[in-house]
Amino acid sequence: MAADILVIAGPIWLGDNSSVTKRVIERLYGNSHLLNAAGQYAYYGKVGGCVITGNEDGLKHCAMNILYSLQHLGYTIPPQADAGWIGEAGPGPSYLDPGSGGPDNDFTNRNTTFMTWNLLRLARMLRDANGIPAHGNQRSAWDAGCRFGFENPDYR
């Protein structure tokens, strides 16, 4: 909770995020009832990104799922918030294995650099602005039986 930036990193398994990656997101979601000092969901004012690795297709699908999940929880997602490396399809070397080409891959290195700078810059912008302005997104204003000054016909 003290971190301004969260990067979820995981492998592709059967074209999707691993069960461990999904469990991390589920654990974050388990805290979605918590609020920050401004009365917003706890992850407001924090930024998120992801790194995906593997030796099968699905990098963009996995990144899309993670980034959507993070923004749904309240994280702010900057542009180019994902990076990844996938080796040759099928069994083969992992990113750091000798001969994989992973650490020397220009596409991966460029996207990782862009992601890093964008995460850092957006986190700094949010910190300097004291997070996301609270007006219009506080649970207490909604739960109080009114919708920000408008009567809530569903409130009972």
C-alpha atoms as a PDB file:
ATOM      1  CA  MET A   1       0.000   0.000   0.000  1.00  0.00           C
ATOM      2  CA  ALA A   2       2.963   2.333   0.520  1.00  0.00           C
ATOM      3  CA  ALA A   3       4.138   1.983  -3.093  1.00  0.00           C
ATOM      4  CA  ASP A   4       3.215   4.613  -5.684  1.00  0.00           C
ATOM      5  CA  ILE A   5       3.879   2.177  -8.552  1.00  0.00           C
ATOM      6  CA  LEU A   6       2.849  -1.449  -8.957  1.00  0.00           C
ATOM      7  CA  VAL A   7       4.243  -3.566 -11.782  1.00  0.00           C
ATOM      8  CA  ILE A   8       2.801  -7.055 -12.044  1.00  0.00           C
ATOM      9  CA  ALA A   9       5.134  -9.431 -13.852  1.00  0.00           C
ATOM     10  CA  GLY A  10       4.298 -12.953 -14.882  1.00  0.00           C
ATOM     11  CA  PRO A  11       4.486 -15.655 -17.510  1.00  0.00           C
ATOM     12  CA  ILE A  12       2.086 -16.676 -20.232  1.00  0.00           C
ATOM     13  CA  TRP A  13       0.555 -20.094 -19.578  1.00  0.00           C
ATOM     14  CA  LEU A  14      -1.678 -21.603 -22.246  1.00  0.00           C
ATOM     15  CA  GLY A  15      -2.092 -18.171 -23.848  1.00  0.00           C
ATOM     16  CA  ASP A  16      -3.240 -16.512 -20.619  1.00  0.00           C
ATOM     17  CA  ASN A  17      -1.910 -15.137 -17.341  1.00  0.00           C
ATOM     18  CA  SER A  18      -0.646 -17.712 -14.861  1.00  0.00           C
ATOM     19  CA  SER A  19      -2.735 -18.695 -11.864  1.00  0.00           C
ATOM     20  CA  VAL A  20      -0.238 -16.917  -9.611  1.00  0.00           C
ATOM     21  CA  THR A  21      -0.675 -13.667 -11.575  1.00  0.00           C
ATOM     22  CA  LYS A  22      -4.445 -14.029 -11.315  1.00  0.00           C
ATOM     23  CA  ARG A  23      -4.144 -14.713  -7.588  1.00  0.00           C
ATOM     24  CA  VAL A  24      -2.194 -11.466  -7.096  1.00  0.00           C
ATOM     25  CA  ILE A  25      -4.980  -9.533  -8.796  1.00  0.00           C
ATOM     26  CA  GLU A  26      -7.595 -11.374  -6.736  1.00  0.00           C
ATOM     27  CA  ARG A  27      -5.745 -10.468  -3.523  1.00  0.00           C
ATOM     28  CA  LEU A  28      -5.654  -6.819  -4.591  1.00  0.00           C
ATOM     29  CA  TYR A  29      -9.372  -7.026  -5.318  1.00  0.00           C
ATOM     30  CA  GLY A  30      -9.896  -8.481  -1.856  1.00  0.00           C
ATOM     31  CA  ASN A  31      -8.799  -5.094  -0.482  1.00  0.00           C
ATOM     32  CA  SER A  32     -11.115  -3.102  -2.726  1.00  0.00           C
ATOM     33  CA  HIS A  33     -13.268  -2.193   0.278  1.00  0.00           C
ATOM     34  CA  LEU A  34     -10.408  -0.175   1.788  1.00  0.00           C
ATOM     35  CA  LEU A  35     -10.401   3.595   1.375  1.00  0.00           C
ATOM     36  CA  ASN A  36      -7.584   6.128   1.281  1.00  0.00           C
ATOM     37  CA  ALA A  37      -7.397   9.284   3.427  1.00  0.00           C
ATOM     38  CA  ALA A  38      -9.562  11.179   0.905  1.00  0.00           C
ATOM     39  CA  GLY A  39     -12.348   8.574   1.153  1.00  0.00           C
ATOM     40  CA  GLN A  40     -11.606   7.121  -2.278  1.00  0.00           C
ATOM     41  CA  TYR A  41     -10.798   3.511  -3.058  1.00  0.00           C
ATOM     42  CA  ALA A  42      -7.378   2.686  -1.618  1.00  0.00           C
ATOM     43  CA  TYR A  43      -5.525   2.358  -4.921  1.00  0.00           C
ATOM     44  CA  TYR A  44      -6.500   5.822  -6.215  1.00  0.00           C
ATOM     45  CA  GLY A  45      -3.400   7.937  -6.790  1.00  0.00           C
ATOM     46  CA  LYS A  46      -1.228   4.913  -7.612  1.00  0.00           C
ATOM     47  CA  VAL A  47      -0.068   3.828 -11.055  1.00  0.00           C
ATOM     48  CA  GLY A  48       0.190   0.356 -12.520  1.00  0.00           C
ATOM     49  CA  GLY A  49       1.913  -1.522 -15.298  1.00  0.00           C
ATOM     50  CA  CYS A  50       2.901  -5.057 -16.251  1.00  0.00           C
ATOM     51  CA  VAL A  51       5.673  -7.189 -17.709  1.00  0.00           C
ATOM     52  CA  ILE A  52       4.872 -10.469 -19.476  1.00  0.00           C
ATOM     53  CA  THR A  53       7.265 -13.233 -20.529  1.00  0.00           C
ATOM     54  CA  GLY A  54       6.907 -16.627 -22.109  1.00  0.00           C
ATOM     55  CA  ASN A  55       7.437 -18.735 -25.194  1.00  0.00           C
ATOM     56  CA  GLU A  56       3.950 -18.606 -26.667  1.00  0.00           C
ATOM     57  CA  ASP A  57       1.631 -15.983 -28.084  1.00  0.00           C
ATOM     58  CA  GLY A  58      -0.650 -13.983 -25.832  1.00  0.00           C
ATOM     59  CA  LEU A  59       1.496 -11.133 -24.525  1.00  0.00           C
ATOM     60  CA  LYS A  60      -0.994  -8.401 -25.450  1.00  0.00           C
ATOM     61  CA  HIS A  61      -3.957 -10.426 -24.191  1.00  0.00           C
ATOM     62  CA  CYS A  62      -2.260 -10.951 -20.827  1.00  0.00           C
ATOM     63  CA  ALA A  63      -1.247  -7.285 -20.556  1.00  0.00           C
ATOM     64  CA  MET A  64      -4.768  -6.162 -21.459  1.00  0.00           C
ATOM     65  CA  ASN A  65      -6.255  -8.294 -18.695  1.00  0.00           C
ATOM     66  CA  ILE A  66      -3.826  -7.079 -16.044  1.00  0.00           C
ATOM     67  CA  LEU A  67      -4.082  -3.405 -16.984  1.00  0.00           C
ATOM     68  CA  TYR A  68      -7.876  -3.517 -17.115  1.00  0.00           C
ATOM     69  CA  SER A  69      -7.962  -5.213 -13.714  1.00  0.00           C
ATOM     70  CA  LEU A  70      -5.632  -2.630 -12.184  1.00  0.00           C
ATOM     71  CA  GLN A  71      -7.603   0.346 -13.494  1.00  0.00           C
ATOM     72  CA  HIS A  72     -10.830  -1.257 -12.286  1.00  0.00           C
ATOM     73  CA  LEU A  73      -9.336  -1.336  -8.786  1.00  0.00           C
ATOM     74  CA  GLY A  74      -8.417   2.362  -8.964  1.00  0.00           C
ATOM     75  CA  TYR A  75      -4.881   2.366 -10.343  1.00  0.00           C
ATOM     76  CA  THR A  76      -4.102   4.945 -13.011  1.00  0.00           C
ATOM     77  CA  ILE A  77      -2.597   3.439 -16.150  1.00  0.00           C
ATOM     78  CA  PRO A  78      -0.272   5.589 -18.261  1.00  0.00           C
ATOM     79  CA  PRO A  79       0.275   5.072 -21.973  1.00  0.00           C
ATOM     80  CA  GLN A  80       2.662   2.253 -22.909  1.00  0.00           C
ATOM     81  CA  ALA A  81       2.245   0.632 -19.474  1.00  0.00           C
ATOM     82  CA  ASP A  82       3.263  -2.853 -20.573  1.00  0.00           C
ATOM     83  CA  ALA A  83       6.386  -4.579 -21.771  1.00  0.00           C
ATOM     84  CA  GLY A  84       7.232  -8.143 -22.524  1.00  0.00           C
ATOM     85  CA  TRP A  85       9.346 -10.736 -24.203  1.00  0.00           C
ATOM     86  CA  ILE A  86       8.264 -13.928 -25.852  1.00  0.00           C
ATOM     87  CA  GLY A  87      10.789 -16.300 -27.257  1.00  0.00           C
ATOM     88  CA  GLU A  88      10.324 -18.679 -30.118  1.00  0.00           C
ATOM     89  CA  ALA A  89       7.036 -20.561 -29.849  1.00  0.00           C
ATOM     90  CA  GLY A  90       7.221 -23.899 -28.096  1.00  0.00           C
ATOM     91  CA  PRO A  91       9.709 -25.272 -25.612  1.00  0.00           C
ATOM     92  CA  GLY A  92      12.882 -23.265 -25.494  1.00  0.00           C
ATOM     93  CA  PRO A  93      15.015 -20.904 -23.459  1.00  0.00           C
ATOM     94  CA  SER A  94      13.562 -18.411 -21.011  1.00  0.00           C
ATOM     95  CA  TYR A  95      14.411 -14.701 -21.056  1.00  0.00           C
ATOM     96  CA  LEU A  96      17.705 -14.920 -19.140  1.00  0.00           C
ATOM     97  CA  ASP A  97      18.836 -18.308 -20.474  1.00  0.00           C
ATOM     98  CA  PRO A  98      22.021 -18.290 -22.579  1.00  0.00           C
ATOM     99  CA  GLY A  99      21.211 -17.822 -26.248  1.00  0.00           C
ATOM    100  CA  SER A 100      17.633 -16.614 -25.654  1.00  0.00           C
ATOM    101  CA  GLY A 101      18.287 -13.135 -27.036  1.00  0.00           C
ATOM    102  CA  GLY A 102      15.966 -11.747 -24.357  1.00  0.00           C
ATOM    103  CA  PRO A 103      18.239  -9.171 -22.738  1.00  0.00           C
ATOM    104  CA  ASP A 104      19.366  -7.925 -26.166  1.00  0.00           C
ATOM    105  CA  ASN A 105      15.907  -7.634 -27.727  1.00  0.00           C
ATOM    106  CA  ASP A 106      15.423  -4.034 -28.929  1.00  0.00           C
ATOM    107  CA  PHE A 107      11.616  -4.251 -28.913  1.00  0.00           C
ATOM    108  CA  THR A 108      11.560  -5.449 -25.295  1.00  0.00           C
ATOM    109  CA  ASN A 109      14.203  -2.971 -24.141  1.00  0.00           C
ATOM    110  CA  ARG A 110      12.470  -0.023 -25.839  1.00  0.00           C
ATOM    111  CA  ASN A 111       9.052  -0.886 -24.431  1.00  0.00           C
ATOM    112  CA  THR A 112      10.466  -1.507 -20.955  1.00  0.00           C
ATOM    113  CA  THR A 113      12.166   1.893 -21.046  1.00  0.00           C
ATOM    114  CA  PHE A 114       9.005   3.675 -22.243  1.00  0.00           C
ATOM    115  CA  MET A 115       6.916   1.895 -19.609  1.00  0.00           C
ATOM    116  CA  THR A 116       9.368   2.795 -16.844  1.00  0.00           C
ATOM    117  CA  TRP A 117       9.527   6.477 -17.749  1.00  0.00           C
ATOM    118  CA  ASN A 118       5.751   6.735 -18.123  1.00  0.00           C
ATOM    119  CA  LEU A 119       5.109   5.009 -14.788  1.00  0.00           C
ATOM    120  CA  LEU A 120       7.626   7.243 -13.026  1.00  0.00           C
ATOM    121  CA  ARG A 121       6.324  10.450 -14.598  1.00  0.00           C
ATOM    122  CA  LEU A 122       2.666   9.684 -13.923  1.00  0.00           C
ATOM    123  CA  ALA A 123       3.420   8.643 -10.337  1.00  0.00           C
ATOM    124  CA  ARG A 124       5.247  11.952  -9.823  1.00  0.00           C
ATOM    125  CA  MET A 125       2.362  13.913 -11.370  1.00  0.00           C
ATOM    126  CA  LEU A 126      -0.150  12.200  -9.095  1.00  0.00           C
ATOM    127  CA  ARG A 127       2.016  12.676  -6.013  1.00  0.00           C
ATOM    128  CA  ASP A 128       2.533  16.373  -6.792  1.00  0.00           C
ATOM    129  CA  ALA A 129      -1.240  16.785  -7.266  1.00  0.00           C
ATOM    130  CA  ASN A 130      -2.050  14.847  -4.061  1.00  0.00           C
ATOM    131  CA  GLY A 131      -3.629  12.052  -6.105  1.00  0.00           C
ATOM    132  CA  ILE A 132      -6.882  12.063  -8.038  1.00  0.00           C
ATOM    133  CA  PRO A 133      -9.212  14.896  -6.957  1.00  0.00           C
ATOM    134  CA  ALA A 134     -11.778  13.435  -4.562  1.00  0.00           C
ATOM    135  CA  HIS A 135     -14.845  15.313  -5.768  1.00  0.00           C
ATOM    136  CA  GLY A 136     -17.128  12.928  -7.593  1.00  0.00           C
ATOM    137  CA  ASN A 137     -15.522   9.636  -6.578  1.00  0.00           C
ATOM    138  CA  GLN A 138     -15.979   9.199  -2.837  1.00  0.00           C
ATOM    139  CA  ARG A 139     -18.003   6.262  -1.570  1.00  0.00           C
ATOM    140  CA  SER A 140     -19.247   8.241   1.421  1.00  0.00           C
ATOM    141  CA  ALA A 141     -20.995  10.751  -0.855  1.00  0.00           C
ATOM    142  CA  TRP A 142     -22.685   7.908  -2.717  1.00  0.00           C
ATOM    143  CA  ASP A 143     -23.481   5.770   0.318  1.00  0.00           C
ATOM    144  CA  ALA A 144     -25.056   8.687   2.189  1.00  0.00           C
ATOM    145  CA  GLY A 145     -28.279   8.266   0.242  1.00  0.00           C
ATOM    146  CA  CYS A 146     -27.620  10.931  -2.338  1.00  0.00           C
ATOM    147  CA  ARG A 147     -25.739  10.941  -5.587  1.00  0.00           C
ATOM    148  CA  PHE A 148     -23.551  14.017  -5.195  1.00  0.00           C
ATOM    149  CA  GLY A 149     -26.426  16.357  -4.543  1.00  0.00           C
ATOM    150  CA  PHE A 150     -29.070  14.434  -6.476  1.00  0.00           C
ATOM    151  CA  GLU A 151     -31.606  12.313  -4.664  1.00  0.00           C
ATOM    152  CA  ASN A 152     -30.921   8.612  -5.089  1.00  0.00           C
ATOM    153  CA  PRO A 153     -34.226   6.937  -5.960  1.00  0.00           C
ATOM    154  CA  ASP A 154     -32.696   3.526  -5.241  1.00  0.00           C
ATOM    155  CA  TYR A 155     -31.652   4.434  -1.708  1.00  0.00           C
ATOM    156  CA  ARG A 156     -33.757   2.612   0.842  1.00  0.00           C
END
